[in-house]
Amino acid sequence: MDEARLDGSVLGDLLIEALEEAVAHARGEPTGARVRRVERPRHRPGTKIPPFSPGDR
């Protein structure tokens, strides 16, 4: 029974933390979340710019 309460409190803490981060993100405030960015090849002058495809994400 104590283990179930412990798991519930840990999950509750994680939920609260996630909600606080979501609210901060919605307000445009910096958050601790790591954003995964796609490294795209840099454009070289005189070459055609490659089209964006959804698979790049």
PDB file of N, CA and C in Angstrom:
ATOM      1  N   MET A   1       0.822  -1.187   0.000  1.00  0.00           N
ATOM      2  CA  MET A   1       0.000   0.000   0.000  1.00  0.00           C
ATOM      3  C   MET A   1       0.874   1.262   0.000  1.00  0.00           C
ATOM      4  N   ASP A   2       1.952   1.260   0.796  1.00  0.00           N
ATOM      5  CA  ASP A   2       2.834   2.420   0.839  1.00  0.00           C
ATOM      6  C   ASP A   2       3.528   2.643  -0.503  1.00  0.00           C
ATOM      7  N   GLU A   3       3.863   1.538  -1.186  1.00  0.00           N
ATOM      8  CA  GLU A   3       4.512   1.668  -2.493  1.00  0.00           C
ATOM      9  C   GLU A   3       3.581   2.342  -3.490  1.00  0.00           C
ATOM     10  N   ALA A   4       2.299   2.012  -3.443  1.00  0.00           N
ATOM     11  CA  ALA A   4       1.337   2.621  -4.363  1.00  0.00           C
ATOM     12  C   ALA A   4       1.237   4.121  -4.104  1.00  0.00           C
ATOM     13  N   ARG A   5       1.254   4.520  -2.848  1.00  0.00           N
ATOM     14  CA  ARG A   5       1.198   5.947  -2.516  1.00  0.00           C
ATOM     15  C   ARG A   5       2.459   6.656  -2.996  1.00  0.00           C
ATOM     16  N   LEU A   6       3.588   6.011  -2.819  1.00  0.00           N
ATOM     17  CA  LEU A   6       4.845   6.600  -3.263  1.00  0.00           C
ATOM     18  C   LEU A   6       4.829   6.785  -4.778  1.00  0.00           C
ATOM     19  N   ASP A   7       4.406   5.755  -5.511  1.00  0.00           N
ATOM     20  CA  ASP A   7       4.342   5.859  -6.965  1.00  0.00           C
ATOM     21  C   ASP A   7       3.383   6.964  -7.380  1.00  0.00           C
ATOM     22  N   GLY A   8       2.258   7.068  -6.697  1.00  0.00           N
ATOM     23  CA  GLY A   8       1.287   8.114  -7.023  1.00  0.00           C
ATOM     24  C   GLY A   8       1.845   9.501  -6.779  1.00  0.00           C
ATOM     25  N   SER A   9       2.593   9.672  -5.695  1.00  0.00           N
ATOM     26  CA  SER A   9       3.144  10.994  -5.406  1.00  0.00           C
ATOM     27  C   SER A   9       4.245  11.349  -6.406  1.00  0.00           C
ATOM     28  N   VAL A  10       5.026  10.361  -6.807  1.00  0.00           N
ATOM     29  CA  VAL A  10       6.075  10.615  -7.804  1.00  0.00           C
ATOM     30  C   VAL A  10       5.436  10.981  -9.141  1.00  0.00           C
ATOM     31  N   LEU A  11       4.408  10.246  -9.538  1.00  0.00           N
ATOM     32  CA  LEU A  11       3.716  10.558 -10.791  1.00  0.00           C
ATOM     33  C   LEU A  11       3.055  11.928 -10.714  1.00  0.00           C
ATOM     34  N   GLY A  12       2.495  12.241  -9.558  1.00  0.00           N
ATOM     35  CA  GLY A  12       1.879  13.560  -9.376  1.00  0.00           C
ATOM     36  C   GLY A  12       2.899  14.672  -9.520  1.00  0.00           C
ATOM     37  N   ASP A  13       4.068  14.486  -8.926  1.00  0.00           N
ATOM     38  CA  ASP A  13       5.132  15.488  -9.044  1.00  0.00           C
ATOM     39  C   ASP A  13       5.571  15.659 -10.493  1.00  0.00           C
ATOM     40  N   LEU A  14       5.687  14.548 -11.206  1.00  0.00           N
ATOM     41  CA  LEU A  14       6.073  14.629 -12.621  1.00  0.00           C
ATOM     42  C   LEU A  14       5.007  15.341 -13.440  1.00  0.00           C
ATOM     43  N   LEU A  15       3.741  15.076 -13.134  1.00  0.00           N
ATOM     44  CA  LEU A  15       2.641  15.725 -13.851  1.00  0.00           C
ATOM     45  C   LEU A  15       2.648  17.228 -13.595  1.00  0.00           C
ATOM     46  N   ILE A  16       2.820  17.617 -12.346  1.00  0.00           N
ATOM     47  CA  ILE A  16       2.861  19.045 -12.011  1.00  0.00           C
ATOM     48  C   ILE A  16       4.026  19.724 -12.719  1.00  0.00           C
ATOM     49  N   GLU A  17       5.183  19.078 -12.717  1.00  0.00           N
ATOM     50  CA  GLU A  17       6.359  19.647 -13.384  1.00  0.00           C
ATOM     51  C   GLU A  17       6.115  19.809 -14.886  1.00  0.00           C
ATOM     52  N   ALA A  18       5.494  18.803 -15.503  1.00  0.00           N
ATOM     53  CA  ALA A  18       5.208  18.868 -16.941  1.00  0.00           C
ATOM     54  C   ALA A  18       4.206  19.979 -17.245  1.00  0.00           C
ATOM     55  N   LEU A  19       3.191  20.131 -16.396  1.00  0.00           N
ATOM     56  CA  LEU A  19       2.195  21.185 -16.613  1.00  0.00           C
ATOM     57  C   LEU A  19       2.819  22.571 -16.445  1.00  0.00           C
ATOM     58  N   GLU A  20       3.662  22.739 -15.445  1.00  0.00           N
ATOM     59  CA  GLU A  20       4.332  24.028 -15.255  1.00  0.00           C
ATOM     60  C   GLU A  20       5.205  24.371 -16.454  1.00  0.00           C
ATOM     61  N   GLU A  21       5.891  23.368 -16.991  1.00  0.00           N
ATOM     62  CA  GLU A  21       6.743  23.601 -18.155  1.00  0.00           C
ATOM     63  C   GLU A  21       5.898  23.937 -19.387  1.00  0.00           C
ATOM     64  N   ALA A  22       4.750  23.270 -19.534  1.00  0.00           N
ATOM     65  CA  ALA A  22       3.863  23.546 -20.669  1.00  0.00           C
ATOM     66  C   ALA A  22       3.313  24.966 -20.592  1.00  0.00           C
ATOM     67  N   VAL A  23       2.947  25.415 -19.401  1.00  0.00           N
ATOM     68  CA  VAL A  23       2.426  26.777 -19.230  1.00  0.00           C
ATOM     69  C   VAL A  23       3.520  27.796 -19.543  1.00  0.00           C
ATOM     70  N   ALA A  24       4.731  27.555 -19.053  1.00  0.00           N
ATOM     71  CA  ALA A  24       5.841  28.464 -19.331  1.00  0.00           C
ATOM     72  C   ALA A  24       6.123  28.523 -20.833  1.00  0.00           C
ATOM     73  N   HIS A  25       6.064  27.381 -21.491  1.00  0.00           N
ATOM     74  CA  HIS A  25       6.294  27.336 -22.941  1.00  0.00           C
ATOM     75  C   HIS A  25       5.202  28.113 -23.674  1.00  0.00           C
ATOM     76  N   ALA A  26       3.939  27.955 -23.238  1.00  0.00           N
ATOM     77  CA  ALA A  26       2.823  28.658 -23.879  1.00  0.00           C
ATOM     78  C   ALA A  26       2.951  30.170 -23.702  1.00  0.00           C
ATOM     79  N   ARG A  27       3.526  30.593 -22.602  1.00  0.00           N
ATOM     80  CA  ARG A  27       3.722  32.028 -22.352  1.00  0.00           C
ATOM     81  C   ARG A  27       4.943  32.567 -23.083  1.00  0.00           C
ATOM     82  N   GLY A  28       5.719  31.703 -23.676  1.00  0.00           N
ATOM     83  CA  GLY A  28       6.909  32.128 -24.396  1.00  0.00           C
ATOM     84  C   GLY A  28       8.128  32.277 -23.509  1.00  0.00           C
ATOM     85  N   GLU A  29       8.035  31.777 -22.279  1.00  0.00           N
ATOM     86  CA  GLU A  29       9.162  31.854 -21.356  1.00  0.00           C
ATOM     87  C   GLU A  29      10.133  30.710 -21.648  1.00  0.00           C
ATOM     88  N   PRO A  30      11.423  30.923 -21.399  1.00  0.00           N
ATOM     89  CA  PRO A  30      12.374  29.826 -21.610  1.00  0.00           C
ATOM     90  C   PRO A  30      12.105  28.687 -20.627  1.00  0.00           C
ATOM     91  N   THR A  31      12.240  27.479 -21.102  1.00  0.00           N
ATOM     92  CA  THR A  31      12.017  26.309 -20.252  1.00  0.00           C
ATOM     93  C   THR A  31      13.269  25.449 -20.250  1.00  0.00           C
ATOM     94  N   GLY A  32      13.287  24.460 -19.404  1.00  0.00           N
ATOM     95  CA  GLY A  32      14.426  23.551 -19.331  1.00  0.00           C
ATOM     96  C   GLY A  32      14.348  22.431 -20.350  1.00  0.00           C
ATOM     97  N   ALA A  33      13.284  22.428 -21.159  1.00  0.00           N
ATOM     98  CA  ALA A  33      13.103  21.354 -22.136  1.00  0.00           C
ATOM     99  C   ALA A  33      14.163  21.462 -23.230  1.00  0.00           C
ATOM    100  N   ARG A  34      14.638  20.340 -23.654  1.00  0.00           N
ATOM    101  CA  ARG A  34      15.601  20.321 -24.753  1.00  0.00           C
ATOM    102  C   ARG A  34      14.842  20.172 -26.061  1.00  0.00           C
ATOM    103  N   VAL A  35      15.141  21.052 -26.980  1.00  0.00           N
ATOM    104  CA  VAL A  35      14.483  21.016 -28.279  1.00  0.00           C
ATOM    105  C   VAL A  35      15.391  20.278 -29.245  1.00  0.00           C
ATOM    106  N   ARG A  36      14.834  19.277 -29.909  1.00  0.00           N
ATOM    107  CA  ARG A  36      15.621  18.524 -30.886  1.00  0.00           C
ATOM    108  C   ARG A  36      15.601  19.282 -32.203  1.00  0.00           C
ATOM    109  N   ARG A  37      16.754  19.710 -32.633  1.00  0.00           N
ATOM    110  CA  ARG A  37      16.834  20.470 -33.876  1.00  0.00           C
ATOM    111  C   ARG A  37      17.481  19.606 -34.946  1.00  0.00           C
ATOM    112  N   VAL A  38      16.995  19.775 -36.147  1.00  0.00           N
ATOM    113  CA  VAL A  38      17.516  19.005 -37.270  1.00  0.00           C
ATOM    114  C   VAL A  38      18.695  19.757 -37.867  1.00  0.00           C
ATOM    115  N   GLU A  39      19.799  19.073 -37.991  1.00  0.00           N
ATOM    116  CA  GLU A  39      20.957  19.672 -38.650  1.00  0.00           C
ATOM    117  C   GLU A  39      20.747  19.559 -40.149  1.00  0.00           C
ATOM    118  N   ARG A  40      20.625  20.703 -40.791  1.00  0.00           N
ATOM    119  CA  ARG A  40      20.466  20.708 -42.245  1.00  0.00           C
ATOM    120  C   ARG A  40      21.767  21.207 -42.865  1.00  0.00           C
ATOM    121  N   PRO A  41      22.088  20.700 -44.030  1.00  0.00           N
ATOM    122  CA  PRO A  41      23.302  21.188 -44.685  1.00  0.00           C
ATOM    123  C   PRO A  41      23.173  22.684 -45.002  1.00  0.00           C
ATOM    124  N   ARG A  42      24.264  23.405 -44.813  1.00  0.00           N
ATOM    125  CA  ARG A  42      24.232  24.842 -45.102  1.00  0.00           C
ATOM    126  C   ARG A  42      24.185  25.072 -46.613  1.00  0.00           C
ATOM    127  N   HIS A  43      23.496  26.143 -46.978  1.00  0.00           N
ATOM    128  CA  HIS A  43      23.376  26.486 -48.389  1.00  0.00           C
ATOM    129  C   HIS A  43      24.660  27.170 -48.864  1.00  0.00           C
ATOM    130  N   ARG A  44      25.169  26.677 -49.971  1.00  0.00           N
ATOM    131  CA  ARG A  44      26.343  27.302 -50.569  1.00  0.00           C
ATOM    132  C   ARG A  44      25.879  28.185 -51.723  1.00  0.00           C
ATOM    133  N   PRO A  45      26.390  29.399 -51.821  1.00  0.00           N
ATOM    134  CA  PRO A  45      25.989  30.289 -52.914  1.00  0.00           C
ATOM    135  C   PRO A  45      26.230  29.633 -54.273  1.00  0.00           C
ATOM    136  N   GLY A  46      25.279  29.815 -55.152  1.00  0.00           N
ATOM    137  CA  GLY A  46      25.400  29.254 -56.492  1.00  0.00           C
ATOM    138  C   GLY A  46      24.855  27.846 -56.613  1.00  0.00           C
ATOM    139  N   THR A  47      24.324  27.286 -55.545  1.00  0.00           N
ATOM    140  CA  THR A  47      23.734  25.949 -55.608  1.00  0.00           C
ATOM    141  C   THR A  47      22.241  26.043 -55.313  1.00  0.00           C
ATOM    142  N   LYS A  48      21.526  25.042 -55.747  1.00  0.00           N
ATOM    143  CA  LYS A  48      20.081  25.021 -55.538  1.00  0.00           C
ATOM    144  C   LYS A  48      19.782  24.637 -54.081  1.00  0.00           C
ATOM    145  N   ILE A  49      18.811  25.320 -53.471  1.00  0.00           N
ATOM    146  CA  ILE A  49      18.430  25.019 -52.094  1.00  0.00           C
ATOM    147  C   ILE A  49      17.602  23.738 -52.093  1.00  0.00           C
ATOM    148  N   PRO A  50      17.991  22.732 -51.299  1.00  0.00           N
ATOM    149  CA  PRO A  50      17.223  21.485 -51.283  1.00  0.00           C
ATOM    150  C   PRO A  50      15.837  21.708 -50.666  1.00  0.00           C
ATOM    151  N   PRO A  51      14.809  21.047 -51.196  1.00  0.00           N
ATOM    152  CA  PRO A  51      13.464  21.228 -50.651  1.00  0.00           C
ATOM    153  C   PRO A  51      13.352  20.591 -49.265  1.00  0.00           C
ATOM    154  N   PHE A  52      12.462  21.148 -48.465  1.00  0.00           N
ATOM    155  CA  PHE A  52      12.223  20.590 -47.132  1.00  0.00           C
ATOM    156  C   PHE A  52      11.280  19.411 -47.264  1.00  0.00           C
ATOM    157  N   SER A  53      11.597  18.332 -46.579  1.00  0.00           N
ATOM    158  CA  SER A  53      10.676  17.197 -46.574  1.00  0.00           C
ATOM    159  C   SER A  53      10.325  16.854 -45.130  1.00  0.00           C
ATOM    160  N   PRO A  54       9.097  16.387 -44.874  1.00  0.00           N
ATOM    161  CA  PRO A  54       8.689  16.056 -43.507  1.00  0.00           C
ATOM    162  C   PRO A  54       9.585  15.009 -42.855  1.00  0.00           C
ATOM    163  N   GLY A  55      10.289  14.222 -43.630  1.00  0.00           N
ATOM    164  CA  GLY A  55      11.183  13.217 -43.084  1.00  0.00           C
ATOM    165  C   GLY A  55      12.413  13.812 -42.408  1.00  0.00           C
ATOM    166  N   ASP A  56      12.669  15.116 -42.628  1.00  0.00           N
ATOM    167  CA  ASP A  56      13.815  15.783 -42.019  1.00  0.00           C
ATOM    168  C   ASP A  56      13.626  16.013 -40.529  1.00  0.00           C
ATOM    169  N   ARG A  57      12.399  15.936 -40.050  1.00  0.00           N
ATOM    170  CA  ARG A  57      12.136  16.225 -38.631  1.00  0.00           C
ATOM    171  C   ARG A  57      12.617  15.142 -37.744  1.00  0.00           C
TER     172      ARG A  57
END
